[in-house]
Amino acid sequence: MGLSRDFKAPFTASGGSIVAEQTYNGGDKDFKGQLTAIKAASPDAIIVTGYYTDVGLIVKQAKQLGITGAAFGGDGWESSKLIEIGGADVEGTYFSTHFSPEEEIAGQREFREEVPGQVS
């Protein structure tokens, strides 16, 4: 709920429009009711601020219902299990997470070199 709130304020202040808002309980398995309401609003994108255990199913069900907008979220998505749960349906989705340039993570140095001055 907090991440949704923290996203909404600057997004709408910058001219973005929220066309639908839905909630769910963590651990739910069927999100088709919420997603049908979202689809009816014709969003350009959906933000899912939950955890990977729910997100994989939500994105999969969104694709099944024909929702074509990009899906994105926060650090709750960060798990290799997201791909196991969502499969190919999570390809092309986006999430942001914490970053420290001091941390040695595979591919980080190459990423920083590819985007000089952009990552600090």
C-alpha atoms as a PDB file:
ATOM      1  CA  MET A   1       0.000   0.000   0.000  1.00  0.00           C
ATOM      2  CA  GLY A   2       2.828   2.389   0.850  1.00  0.00           C
ATOM      3  CA  LEU A   3       4.644   1.921  -2.446  1.00  0.00           C
ATOM      4  CA  SER A   4       1.392   2.459  -4.347  1.00  0.00           C
ATOM      5  CA  ARG A   5       0.762   5.674  -2.414  1.00  0.00           C
ATOM      6  CA  ASP A   6       4.341   6.856  -2.901  1.00  0.00           C
ATOM      7  CA  PHE A   7       4.103   6.198  -6.633  1.00  0.00           C
ATOM      8  CA  LYS A   8       0.727   7.822  -7.128  1.00  0.00           C
ATOM      9  CA  ALA A   9       1.508  11.285  -5.719  1.00  0.00           C
ATOM     10  CA  PRO A  10       4.472  12.208  -7.955  1.00  0.00           C
ATOM     11  CA  PHE A  11       2.980  10.375 -10.949  1.00  0.00           C
ATOM     12  CA  THR A  12      -0.240  12.379 -10.895  1.00  0.00           C
ATOM     13  CA  ALA A  13       1.623  15.601 -10.002  1.00  0.00           C
ATOM     14  CA  SER A  14       3.658  15.106 -13.185  1.00  0.00           C
ATOM     15  CA  GLY A  15       0.510  14.822 -15.282  1.00  0.00           C
ATOM     16  CA  GLY A  16       0.004  11.058 -15.151  1.00  0.00           C
ATOM     17  CA  SER A  17      -3.491   9.665 -14.860  1.00  0.00           C
ATOM     18  CA  ILE A  18      -4.603   6.717 -12.724  1.00  0.00           C
ATOM     19  CA  VAL A  19      -7.445   5.082 -14.673  1.00  0.00           C
ATOM     20  CA  ALA A  20      -8.175   2.230 -12.238  1.00  0.00           C
ATOM     21  CA  GLU A  21      -7.131   1.068  -8.792  1.00  0.00           C
ATOM     22  CA  GLN A  22      -7.625  -2.432  -7.441  1.00  0.00           C
ATOM     23  CA  THR A  23      -6.475  -4.265  -4.330  1.00  0.00           C
ATOM     24  CA  TYR A  24      -5.944  -7.906  -3.456  1.00  0.00           C
ATOM     25  CA  ASN A  25      -4.860 -10.007  -0.529  1.00  0.00           C
ATOM     26  CA  GLY A  26      -1.356 -11.409  -0.546  1.00  0.00           C
ATOM     27  CA  GLY A  27      -1.500 -15.109  -1.314  1.00  0.00           C
ATOM     28  CA  ASP A  28      -4.568 -14.854  -3.563  1.00  0.00           C
ATOM     29  CA  LYS A  29      -4.379 -17.002  -6.691  1.00  0.00           C
ATOM     30  CA  ASP A  30      -7.151 -15.581  -8.878  1.00  0.00           C
ATOM     31  CA  PHE A  31      -6.851 -11.945  -9.915  1.00  0.00           C
ATOM     32  CA  LYS A  32      -9.175 -12.046 -12.923  1.00  0.00           C
ATOM     33  CA  GLY A  33     -11.877  -9.890 -11.290  1.00  0.00           C
ATOM     34  CA  GLN A  34      -9.463  -7.058 -10.562  1.00  0.00           C
ATOM     35  CA  LEU A  35      -7.731  -7.432 -13.924  1.00  0.00           C
ATOM     36  CA  THR A  36     -11.029  -7.373 -15.834  1.00  0.00           C
ATOM     37  CA  ALA A  37     -11.854  -4.034 -14.190  1.00  0.00           C
ATOM     38  CA  ILE A  38      -8.383  -2.746 -15.044  1.00  0.00           C
ATOM     39  CA  LYS A  39      -8.679  -3.897 -18.667  1.00  0.00           C
ATOM     40  CA  ALA A  40     -12.007  -2.054 -19.003  1.00  0.00           C
ATOM     41  CA  ALA A  41     -10.177   1.185 -18.112  1.00  0.00           C
ATOM     42  CA  SER A  42      -7.705   0.690 -21.030  1.00  0.00           C
ATOM     43  CA  PRO A  43      -4.478   1.443 -19.151  1.00  0.00           C
ATOM     44  CA  ASP A  44      -1.212   2.180 -20.926  1.00  0.00           C
ATOM     45  CA  ALA A  45       0.607   0.316 -18.144  1.00  0.00           C
ATOM     46  CA  ILE A  46      -0.066  -1.357 -14.820  1.00  0.00           C
ATOM     47  CA  ILE A  47       1.894  -1.044 -11.623  1.00  0.00           C
ATOM     48  CA  VAL A  48       1.799  -4.002  -9.278  1.00  0.00           C
ATOM     49  CA  THR A  49       3.401  -3.123  -5.969  1.00  0.00           C
ATOM     50  CA  GLY A  50       3.222  -6.622  -4.499  1.00  0.00           C
ATOM     51  CA  TYR A  51       5.641  -9.454  -4.005  1.00  0.00           C
ATOM     52  CA  TYR A  52       6.925 -11.810  -6.688  1.00  0.00           C
ATOM     53  CA  THR A  53       4.717 -14.653  -5.430  1.00  0.00           C
ATOM     54  CA  ASP A  54       1.633 -12.653  -6.427  1.00  0.00           C
ATOM     55  CA  VAL A  55       3.157 -10.627  -9.263  1.00  0.00           C
ATOM     56  CA  GLY A  56       4.018 -13.658 -11.399  1.00  0.00           C
ATOM     57  CA  LEU A  57       0.406 -14.810 -11.309  1.00  0.00           C
ATOM     58  CA  ILE A  58      -0.988 -11.307 -11.815  1.00  0.00           C
ATOM     59  CA  VAL A  59       1.149 -10.656 -14.896  1.00  0.00           C
ATOM     60  CA  LYS A  60       0.352 -14.103 -16.310  1.00  0.00           C
ATOM     61  CA  GLN A  61      -3.385 -13.599 -15.827  1.00  0.00           C
ATOM     62  CA  ALA A  62      -3.194 -10.056 -17.231  1.00  0.00           C
ATOM     63  CA  LYS A  63      -1.652 -11.415 -20.438  1.00  0.00           C
ATOM     64  CA  GLN A  64      -4.319 -14.129 -20.618  1.00  0.00           C
ATOM     65  CA  LEU A  65      -6.990 -11.423 -20.444  1.00  0.00           C
ATOM     66  CA  GLY A  66      -5.320  -9.425 -23.208  1.00  0.00           C
ATOM     67  CA  ILE A  67      -3.875  -6.588 -21.141  1.00  0.00           C
ATOM     68  CA  THR A  68      -1.006  -5.410 -23.310  1.00  0.00           C
ATOM     69  CA  GLY A  69       0.373  -2.422 -21.402  1.00  0.00           C
ATOM     70  CA  ALA A  70       3.734  -2.674 -19.694  1.00  0.00           C
ATOM     71  CA  ALA A  71       3.766  -3.988 -16.135  1.00  0.00           C
ATOM     72  CA  PHE A  72       6.116  -2.622 -13.526  1.00  0.00           C
ATOM     73  CA  GLY A  73       6.687  -2.587  -9.800  1.00  0.00           C
ATOM     74  CA  GLY A  74       9.170  -2.338  -6.973  1.00  0.00           C
ATOM     75  CA  ASP A  75      11.705  -4.378  -5.088  1.00  0.00           C
ATOM     76  CA  GLY A  76       9.127  -6.975  -4.042  1.00  0.00           C
ATOM     77  CA  TRP A  77       9.541  -8.409  -7.540  1.00  0.00           C
ATOM     78  CA  GLU A  78      13.221  -9.152  -6.987  1.00  0.00           C
ATOM     79  CA  SER A  79      13.496 -12.933  -7.031  1.00  0.00           C
ATOM     80  CA  SER A  80      14.421 -15.539  -9.613  1.00  0.00           C
ATOM     81  CA  LYS A  81      11.170 -17.220  -8.552  1.00  0.00           C
ATOM     82  CA  LEU A  82       9.298 -14.454 -10.393  1.00  0.00           C
ATOM     83  CA  ILE A  83      10.386 -16.020 -13.679  1.00  0.00           C
ATOM     84  CA  GLU A  84       9.519 -19.503 -12.446  1.00  0.00           C
ATOM     85  CA  ILE A  85       6.001 -18.343 -11.538  1.00  0.00           C
ATOM     86  CA  GLY A  86       5.315 -15.937 -14.419  1.00  0.00           C
ATOM     87  CA  GLY A  87       7.291 -17.677 -17.150  1.00  0.00           C
ATOM     88  CA  ALA A  88       7.528 -15.903 -20.490  1.00  0.00           C
ATOM     89  CA  ASP A  89       4.726 -13.557 -19.453  1.00  0.00           C
ATOM     90  CA  VAL A  90       7.092 -11.567 -17.217  1.00  0.00           C
ATOM     91  CA  GLU A  91       9.416 -10.815 -20.133  1.00  0.00           C
ATOM     92  CA  GLY A  92       9.278  -7.102 -20.873  1.00  0.00           C
ATOM     93  CA  THR A  93       8.194  -6.119 -17.372  1.00  0.00           C
ATOM     94  CA  TYR A  94      10.140  -3.681 -15.208  1.00  0.00           C
ATOM     95  CA  PHE A  95      10.914  -3.221 -11.549  1.00  0.00           C
ATOM     96  CA  SER A  96      13.140  -0.945  -9.551  1.00  0.00           C
ATOM     97  CA  THR A  97      15.159  -2.011  -6.574  1.00  0.00           C
ATOM     98  CA  HIS A  98      17.926  -0.851  -4.324  1.00  0.00           C
ATOM     99  CA  PHE A  99      21.338  -0.195  -5.848  1.00  0.00           C
ATOM    100  CA  SER A 100      24.756   0.406  -4.400  1.00  0.00           C
ATOM    101  CA  PRO A 101      27.687   1.094  -6.733  1.00  0.00           C
ATOM    102  CA  GLU A 102      30.019  -0.282  -4.066  1.00  0.00           C
ATOM    103  CA  GLU A 103      28.422  -3.707  -4.125  1.00  0.00           C
ATOM    104  CA  GLU A 104      30.071  -6.254  -6.420  1.00  0.00           C
ATOM    105  CA  ILE A 105      27.296  -7.945  -8.364  1.00  0.00           C
ATOM    106  CA  ALA A 106      27.782  -9.882 -11.591  1.00  0.00           C
ATOM    107  CA  GLY A 107      27.382  -7.547 -14.568  1.00  0.00           C
ATOM    108  CA  GLN A 108      27.298  -4.374 -12.499  1.00  0.00           C
ATOM    109  CA  ARG A 109      30.657  -3.039 -13.628  1.00  0.00           C
ATOM    110  CA  GLU A 110      29.750  -3.658 -17.283  1.00  0.00           C
ATOM    111  CA  PHE A 111      26.407  -1.928 -16.776  1.00  0.00           C
ATOM    112  CA  ARG A 112      28.040   1.125 -15.206  1.00  0.00           C
ATOM    113  CA  GLU A 113      30.584   1.294 -18.043  1.00  0.00           C
ATOM    114  CA  GLU A 114      27.820   1.051 -20.654  1.00  0.00           C
ATOM    115  CA  VAL A 115      25.846   3.906 -19.076  1.00  0.00           C
ATOM    116  CA  PRO A 116      28.614   6.281 -17.960  1.00  0.00           C
ATOM    117  CA  GLY A 117      27.499   9.159 -15.789  1.00  0.00           C
ATOM    118  CA  GLN A 118      24.011   7.707 -15.472  1.00  0.00           C
ATOM    119  CA  VAL A 119      24.540   5.344 -12.551  1.00  0.00           C
ATOM    120  CA  SER A 120      26.064   6.392  -9.265  1.00  0.00           C
END
